Protein backbone atom coordinates (compact mmCIF):
# COMPACT_ATOMS: atom_id res chain seq x y z
CA MET A 1 101.88 90.73 90.94
CA THR A 2 105.50 91.51 90.15
CA ARG A 3 108.47 91.61 92.46
CA SER A 4 108.77 95.36 91.88
CA THR A 5 105.93 96.21 94.23
CA PRO A 6 104.98 95.22 97.79
CA ASP A 7 102.32 92.63 98.38
CA SER A 8 98.97 93.60 99.93
CA THR A 9 100.72 94.58 103.17
CA ARG A 10 100.83 98.34 103.52
CA TYR A 11 103.93 99.25 105.49
CA LEU A 12 102.46 102.60 106.49
CA GLY A 13 99.84 100.72 108.49
CA CYS A 14 102.59 98.89 110.35
CA ILE A 15 104.13 102.23 111.29
CA THR A 16 100.98 104.16 112.25
CA GLY A 17 98.89 101.29 113.58
CA ARG A 18 96.01 102.11 111.24
CA ARG A 19 95.21 101.43 107.61
CA PRO A 20 93.89 104.41 105.64
CA PRO A 21 90.97 103.64 103.31
CA ALA A 22 91.46 103.52 99.55
CA ASN A 23 91.32 106.99 98.02
CA ASP A 24 89.91 107.40 94.50
CA ALA A 25 90.79 111.12 94.35
CA PRO A 26 94.35 111.27 95.69
CA LEU A 27 95.86 114.64 96.50
CA ILE A 28 99.49 114.74 95.35
CA GLY A 29 101.82 117.54 96.32
CA ILE A 30 104.73 118.06 93.94
CA LEU A 31 108.12 119.57 94.70
CA GLU A 32 110.13 119.24 91.49
CA GLY A 33 113.46 119.97 93.10
CA GLU A 34 116.66 120.62 91.21
CA GLY A 35 118.84 118.99 88.56
CA ILE A 36 116.96 116.14 86.91
CA GLY A 37 114.03 116.55 89.30
CA PRO A 38 111.68 118.43 86.94
CA GLU A 39 112.23 115.84 84.18
CA LEU A 40 111.50 112.94 86.54
CA LEU A 41 108.36 114.53 87.97
CA ALA A 42 107.14 115.19 84.41
CA CYS A 43 107.46 111.43 83.82
CA CYS A 44 105.28 110.79 86.85
CA ARG A 45 102.63 113.18 85.54
CA LEU A 46 102.70 111.33 82.21
CA VAL A 47 102.06 107.97 83.91
CA LEU A 48 99.39 109.44 86.19
CA GLY A 49 97.63 110.71 83.08
CA ALA A 50 97.64 107.17 81.67
CA ILE A 51 96.13 105.87 84.91
CA GLU A 52 93.35 108.46 84.74
CA ALA A 53 92.65 107.52 81.13
CA HIS A 54 91.91 103.91 82.10
CA THR A 55 90.33 104.17 85.55
CA ALA A 56 87.81 106.29 87.40
CA MET A 57 90.61 107.81 89.46
CA ARG A 58 91.12 111.55 89.25
CA PHE A 59 94.28 112.95 90.76
CA ARG A 60 94.40 116.34 92.40
CA TYR A 61 97.69 118.21 92.26
CA ARG A 62 99.34 121.00 94.20
CA GLN A 63 102.61 122.45 92.99
CA GLY A 64 105.10 123.69 95.58
CA GLY A 65 108.01 126.09 95.29
CA ALA A 66 111.77 125.88 95.00
CA ILE A 67 113.78 123.69 97.38
CA GLY A 68 117.41 122.89 98.07
CA LYS A 69 120.17 124.67 96.23
CA VAL A 70 117.72 126.30 93.79
CA ALA A 71 115.96 127.97 96.71
CA MET A 72 119.28 129.04 98.21
CA ALA A 73 120.44 130.54 94.91
CA ALA A 74 117.32 132.70 94.95
CA GLY A 75 118.44 134.11 98.30
CA GLY A 76 116.48 131.81 100.56
CA GLU A 77 116.89 128.68 102.65
CA PRO A 78 116.92 125.07 101.42
CA LEU A 79 113.55 124.60 103.15
CA SER A 80 111.65 127.89 103.06
CA GLY A 81 108.72 128.96 105.20
CA GLU A 82 106.61 128.96 102.05
CA VAL A 83 107.39 125.29 101.35
CA ILE A 84 106.81 124.38 105.01
CA ASP A 85 103.35 125.96 104.81
CA PHE A 86 102.71 124.15 101.51
CA CYS A 87 103.55 120.77 103.07
CA ARG A 88 101.59 121.48 106.24
CA GLU A 89 98.44 122.32 104.28
CA LEU A 90 98.95 119.31 101.98
CA PHE A 91 99.20 116.92 104.92
CA ARG A 92 96.27 118.58 106.68
CA ASP A 93 94.12 117.92 103.61
CA GLY A 94 95.09 114.25 103.40
CA GLY A 95 97.70 114.52 100.65
CA ALA A 96 101.12 112.96 100.21
CA LEU A 97 104.26 114.55 98.83
CA LEU A 98 106.04 113.38 95.68
CA CYS A 99 109.42 115.04 95.89
CA GLY A 100 112.31 115.56 93.52
CA PRO A 101 115.90 115.93 94.75
CA GLY A 102 116.78 118.93 96.90
CA GLY A 103 120.34 119.72 97.91
CA ASP A 104 122.09 121.19 100.95
CA ARG A 105 120.09 120.43 104.12
CA PHE A 106 116.63 120.30 102.56
CA VAL A 107 115.79 116.67 103.32
CA TYR A 108 117.13 116.77 106.88
CA GLU A 109 115.19 119.91 107.74
CA LEU A 110 112.02 118.57 106.11
CA ARG A 111 112.23 115.40 108.18
CA ARG A 112 112.79 117.35 111.39
CA GLU A 113 110.02 119.86 110.65
CA PHE A 114 107.39 117.14 110.12
CA SER A 115 108.79 114.45 112.46
CA LEU A 116 109.35 112.05 109.57
CA PHE A 117 111.16 109.63 111.83
CA CYS A 118 111.10 106.56 109.58
CA LYS A 119 112.57 106.12 106.12
CA LEU A 120 111.86 102.93 104.19
CA VAL A 121 114.15 101.85 101.36
CA PRO A 122 112.87 98.75 99.52
CA LEU A 123 115.68 96.79 97.90
CA ARG A 124 114.02 94.44 95.42
CA PRO A 125 116.06 93.85 92.27
CA LEU A 126 113.97 93.92 89.08
CA PRO A 127 114.16 90.48 87.41
CA PRO A 128 114.71 91.85 83.84
CA LEU A 129 117.89 93.54 85.09
CA ALA A 130 119.39 90.47 86.79
CA ASP A 131 122.25 90.26 84.29
CA THR A 132 122.63 94.00 83.72
CA GLY A 133 124.30 95.46 86.81
CA PRO A 134 127.76 94.93 88.28
CA LEU A 135 126.72 91.87 90.31
CA ARG A 136 126.30 88.28 89.11
CA PRO A 137 122.68 87.20 88.49
CA GLU A 138 122.76 84.61 91.27
CA THR A 139 123.72 87.33 93.75
CA VAL A 140 120.49 89.28 93.22
CA GLU A 141 118.07 86.41 92.63
CA ASP A 142 115.15 86.39 95.14
CA VAL A 143 116.58 89.31 97.11
CA ASP A 144 113.95 91.26 99.07
CA ILE A 145 115.33 93.62 101.73
CA LEU A 146 113.51 96.41 103.51
CA LEU A 147 115.96 98.95 104.94
CA VAL A 148 114.52 101.02 107.80
CA ARG A 149 116.45 104.20 108.57
CA GLU A 150 116.03 106.44 111.62
CA ASN A 151 115.71 110.08 110.49
CA LEU A 152 115.53 112.36 113.53
CA GLY A 153 118.65 111.60 115.57
CA GLY A 154 122.29 110.88 114.98
CA LEU A 155 124.91 112.79 113.07
CA TYR A 156 122.64 114.35 110.44
CA GLN A 157 120.47 116.05 113.06
CA GLY A 158 123.21 117.27 115.39
CA GLU A 159 124.60 120.69 116.24
CA PHE A 160 127.53 121.73 114.07
CA HIS A 161 129.94 124.63 114.17
CA LEU A 162 133.00 125.77 112.24
CA GLU A 163 135.59 128.22 113.53
CA THR A 164 138.25 129.60 111.21
CA SER A 165 141.30 131.75 111.83
CA THR A 166 144.56 132.62 110.13
CA SER A 167 146.19 129.64 111.83
CA GLY A 168 143.56 127.11 110.71
CA GLY A 169 140.09 125.95 111.59
CA TYR A 170 138.15 123.81 114.04
CA ALA A 171 134.97 121.96 113.09
CA SER A 172 132.74 120.43 115.74
CA HIS A 173 129.58 118.33 115.58
CA ARG A 174 127.56 117.19 118.55
CA PHE A 175 124.84 114.58 118.14
CA GLY A 176 123.12 111.77 120.01
CA TYR A 177 120.08 109.54 120.46
CA THR A 178 117.39 109.37 123.10
CA THR A 179 115.88 106.10 124.24
CA GLU A 180 112.56 107.27 122.81
CA GLN A 181 114.04 107.85 119.36
CA VAL A 182 115.71 104.45 119.33
CA SER A 183 112.71 102.52 120.64
CA ASP A 184 110.45 104.39 118.22
CA ILE A 185 112.27 103.22 115.11
CA LEU A 186 112.94 99.72 116.50
CA GLU A 187 109.28 99.20 117.29
CA ALA A 188 108.38 100.27 113.75
CA ALA A 189 111.01 97.93 112.30
CA THR A 190 109.72 95.12 114.49
CA ARG A 191 106.16 95.53 113.23
CA LEU A 192 107.46 95.59 109.66
CA ALA A 193 109.49 92.42 110.23
CA ARG A 194 106.47 90.65 111.71
CA ALA A 195 104.49 91.58 108.58
CA ARG A 196 107.24 90.04 106.43
CA ARG A 197 109.49 87.07 107.31
CA GLY A 198 110.08 87.77 111.00
CA GLU A 199 113.82 88.53 110.71
CA LEU A 200 115.39 91.73 111.99
CA CYS A 201 118.97 92.92 111.63
CA VAL A 202 120.11 95.90 113.72
CA VAL A 203 123.21 97.81 112.62
CA THR A 204 125.64 99.32 115.16
CA LYS A 205 129.36 100.09 115.63
CA PRO A 206 130.33 99.28 119.23
CA GLY A 207 134.00 100.22 118.93
CA GLY A 208 133.48 103.47 117.04
CA ALA A 209 130.26 104.68 118.70
CA PRO A 210 130.08 102.67 121.95
CA SER A 211 127.40 104.53 123.89
CA ILE A 212 124.98 104.90 120.98
CA SER A 213 125.57 101.30 119.92
CA ARG A 214 124.94 100.05 123.45
CA LEU A 215 121.63 101.93 123.59
CA TRP A 216 120.55 100.53 120.22
CA GLU A 217 121.54 96.98 121.13
CA THR A 218 119.86 97.08 124.55
CA GLU A 219 116.59 98.35 123.09
CA ALA A 220 116.78 95.96 120.14
CA ARG A 221 117.14 92.90 122.37
CA ARG A 222 114.23 94.02 124.53
CA ILE A 223 111.83 94.93 121.72
CA ALA A 224 112.70 92.09 119.32
CA GLY A 225 112.65 89.62 122.21
CA GLU A 226 109.14 90.65 123.21
CA ALA A 227 108.06 90.20 119.58
CA ASN A 228 109.80 86.81 119.30
CA LEU A 229 111.74 87.88 116.21
CA ASP A 230 114.86 86.31 114.78
CA LEU A 231 117.35 89.05 115.72
CA ARG A 232 120.93 89.59 114.70
CA ILE A 233 123.16 92.58 115.33
CA LEU A 234 125.90 93.49 112.85
CA GLU A 235 128.59 96.13 112.83
CA VAL A 236 128.04 98.59 110.02
CA ASP A 237 131.14 97.70 108.00
CA ASN A 238 130.23 94.02 108.06
CA ALA A 239 126.60 94.82 107.28
CA GLY A 240 127.65 96.87 104.26
CA TYR A 241 129.58 93.91 102.91
CA GLN A 242 127.06 91.20 103.76
CA MET A 243 124.05 93.06 102.35
CA VAL A 244 125.67 92.82 98.92
CA ALA A 245 127.61 89.55 99.22
CA ASP A 246 124.78 87.56 100.87
CA ALA A 247 121.72 89.72 100.28
CA ARG A 248 119.19 86.85 100.48
CA ALA A 249 120.08 86.43 104.16
CA PHE A 250 118.40 89.76 105.03
CA ASP A 251 114.76 90.63 105.60
CA VAL A 252 114.34 93.90 107.55
CA VAL A 253 117.46 95.91 108.36
CA VAL A 254 117.20 98.86 110.75
CA ALA A 255 119.97 101.40 111.22
CA PRO A 256 120.81 104.80 112.70
CA ASN A 257 120.63 107.82 110.44
CA LEU A 258 124.17 107.90 109.03
CA PHE A 259 124.54 104.12 108.78
CA GLY A 260 121.17 103.79 107.04
CA ASP A 261 122.14 106.43 104.50
CA VAL A 262 125.40 104.71 103.57
CA LEU A 263 123.89 101.21 103.54
CA GLY A 264 121.03 102.29 101.29
CA ASP A 265 123.35 103.79 98.70
CA GLY A 266 125.75 100.85 98.80
CA ALA A 267 123.00 98.25 98.54
CA ALA A 268 121.67 100.04 95.43
CA LEU A 269 124.26 97.87 93.66
CA LEU A 270 121.66 95.13 93.99
CA LEU A 271 119.31 97.13 91.76
CA ALA A 272 121.75 97.43 88.81
CA SER A 273 121.69 101.24 89.02
CA ARG A 274 121.29 103.86 91.70
CA GLY A 275 118.78 105.46 89.33
CA ILE A 276 116.29 102.73 90.30
CA SER A 277 116.50 103.30 94.06
CA TYR A 278 113.54 104.89 95.81
CA SER A 279 112.22 105.54 99.30
CA ALA A 280 109.46 106.88 101.53
CA ASN A 281 109.59 108.90 104.76
CA PHE A 282 106.76 108.62 107.30
CA ASN A 283 105.64 110.11 110.58
CA HIS A 284 103.25 108.67 113.15
CA ALA A 285 100.31 110.60 111.72
CA GLY A 286 100.76 108.89 108.36
CA HIS A 287 102.14 111.93 106.57
CA ALA A 288 104.47 110.75 103.83
CA VAL A 289 107.16 111.99 101.45
CA TYR A 290 108.13 109.81 98.48
CA GLN A 291 111.48 110.29 96.78
CA THR A 292 114.17 108.60 94.77
CA GLY A 293 117.24 107.27 96.56
CA HIS A 294 119.60 109.24 94.35
CA GLY A 295 120.59 112.86 94.00
CA ALA A 296 119.99 115.69 91.57
CA ALA A 297 122.58 114.55 88.97
CA HIS A 298 123.12 118.10 87.74
CA ASP A 299 125.40 116.81 84.99
CA LEU A 300 122.43 114.98 83.43
CA ALA A 301 119.91 117.81 83.78
CA GLY A 302 118.36 118.74 80.44
CA THR A 303 120.09 115.93 78.54
CA ASP A 304 117.14 113.46 78.53
CA ARG A 305 119.50 110.78 79.86
CA ALA A 306 118.31 110.32 83.46
CA ASN A 307 116.70 107.06 84.53
CA PRO A 308 113.07 107.79 85.54
CA LEU A 309 112.37 104.39 87.12
CA GLY A 310 113.35 105.25 90.70
CA GLN A 311 110.91 108.17 90.65
CA LEU A 312 108.20 106.02 89.04
CA LEU A 313 108.69 103.30 91.66
CA SER A 314 108.37 105.93 94.39
CA LEU A 315 105.07 106.90 92.75
CA ALA A 316 103.93 103.26 92.81
CA MET A 317 104.81 103.14 96.50
CA MET A 318 102.77 106.30 97.10
CA LEU A 319 99.74 104.83 95.35
CA HIS A 320 100.03 101.65 97.38
CA GLU A 321 100.89 103.04 100.81
CA SER A 322 99.20 106.44 101.14
CA PHE A 323 96.20 105.99 98.86
CA GLY A 324 95.43 102.27 99.13
CA GLN A 325 95.47 101.81 95.35
CA THR A 326 97.30 98.49 95.42
CA ARG A 327 96.01 97.20 92.08
CA VAL A 328 97.03 100.41 90.31
CA ALA A 329 100.45 100.30 91.98
CA GLN A 330 100.86 96.70 90.87
CA ALA A 331 99.90 97.66 87.31
CA LEU A 332 102.58 100.36 87.32
CA ALA A 333 105.21 97.99 88.68
CA ALA A 334 104.26 95.33 86.14
CA ALA A 335 104.48 97.93 83.36
CA ILE A 336 108.01 98.79 84.47
CA ASP A 337 109.03 95.13 84.46
CA ASP A 338 107.50 94.58 81.01
CA THR A 339 109.20 97.67 79.59
CA LEU A 340 112.57 96.41 80.78
CA ALA A 341 111.86 92.86 79.63
CA ALA A 342 111.12 94.23 76.15
CA GLY A 343 114.62 95.70 76.11
CA TRP A 344 113.82 99.39 76.60
CA ARG A 345 116.55 100.98 78.70
CA THR A 346 118.21 104.24 79.60
CA ARG A 347 121.97 104.31 79.15
CA ASP A 348 122.81 103.46 82.80
CA ILE A 349 121.06 100.07 82.57
CA ALA A 350 121.73 99.27 78.92
CA ALA A 351 122.79 95.74 78.02
CA ALA A 352 123.82 94.16 74.74
CA GLY A 353 121.00 94.50 72.25
CA ALA A 354 119.02 96.96 74.39
CA ARG A 355 116.87 99.71 72.91
CA VAL A 356 118.56 102.70 74.50
CA VAL A 357 116.19 105.65 74.80
CA GLY A 358 115.91 108.88 76.74
CA THR A 359 114.13 109.70 79.97
CA ARG A 360 110.82 110.71 78.41
CA ALA A 361 110.70 107.86 75.90
CA LEU A 362 111.22 105.24 78.61
CA ALA A 363 108.42 106.77 80.68
CA GLU A 364 106.16 106.72 77.60
CA GLN A 365 106.78 103.00 77.23
CA VAL A 366 105.81 102.49 80.87
CA ALA A 367 102.70 104.65 80.47
CA ASP A 368 101.54 102.64 77.45
CA ARG A 369 101.91 99.37 79.33
CA VAL A 370 100.11 100.73 82.40
CA GLY A 371 97.14 101.31 80.12
CA ILE A 372 97.29 97.72 78.89
CA TYR A 373 97.31 96.33 82.43
CA LEU A 374 94.52 98.60 83.62
CA ARG A 375 92.32 97.77 80.61
CA ALA A 376 92.82 94.09 81.31
CA ASP A 377 91.96 94.70 84.96
CA LEU A 378 88.74 96.43 83.95
CA ARG A 379 87.74 93.52 81.70
CA THR A 380 88.41 91.05 84.53
CA SER A 381 86.38 93.15 87.00
CA ALA A 382 83.48 93.36 84.56
């Protein structure tokens, strides 16, 4: 097992309270998205083909329509009724969604539409990149953080309005949290912490958002206390600093919507590149959406320069969490580590002496190594 993939614990089971059986014929819904999205999803299809070539697994695919700014440019909404129906039918039939980047309000509306209350952002630096990113190697050594972000409340799900006139404008935004929303995500984070090292950090901002922070802290002390967890509460600015400066001190970090978004992007420094960040969004029924943690990078679209590893790691997480294919997910993660250890890199993670290649070529290297791991696995099983 490599550090790029979770252990045998399936976090989705901690959230839903049940563990789905292993699925040898996974149903994968694909929304390519915009910008570099189509290129990254093509890399996933390449790797999935390599998995099929060396196992008895046969993937079933459903292709969805335009999302985000592409959908809006066609005269629609960032999340269209057509895509909502596509996702609803996919989830009904036991599938999971592998999603490229979608701009405007696509992700927020998708989460609200399907009650995807919980976003998980694993922050596990890849050992071959320890000396590649902006941080010193000792800063990222043995770091293993799971960031849990609340998706359905807070600023991103509020009511907003803009008034303009010849004399100026007035923008307003009203948002909040219910006790149910807060306890929901804290209970999920507590179960996740108990499945890991038993340490929970809750992020607030008492001076800037006193009422919401008080609600989060009150519920956190009650729920974590009942679970006998090691609890600490940090203000968001301090948390943002400490998660990079002293990352080994964190296990599970849970945060409101806005804070979780900012912390996840900032802590991507631990990974050497934002192009390696990835995530999953879950609801209580076990429906799941797997994505990168970065945006559409329109400036890189069509240049074959984007880093595909964040999207491939989201695929590994899908195989592990939604379909119970832990050994296949571990093979994919090991293939990524081996590819990097052999010096193959995209430009954003290049180091001295690296073999700098494009998006597709890096994915091909990963696909070849997946085959090697899966063949070895078959020989061991036999």
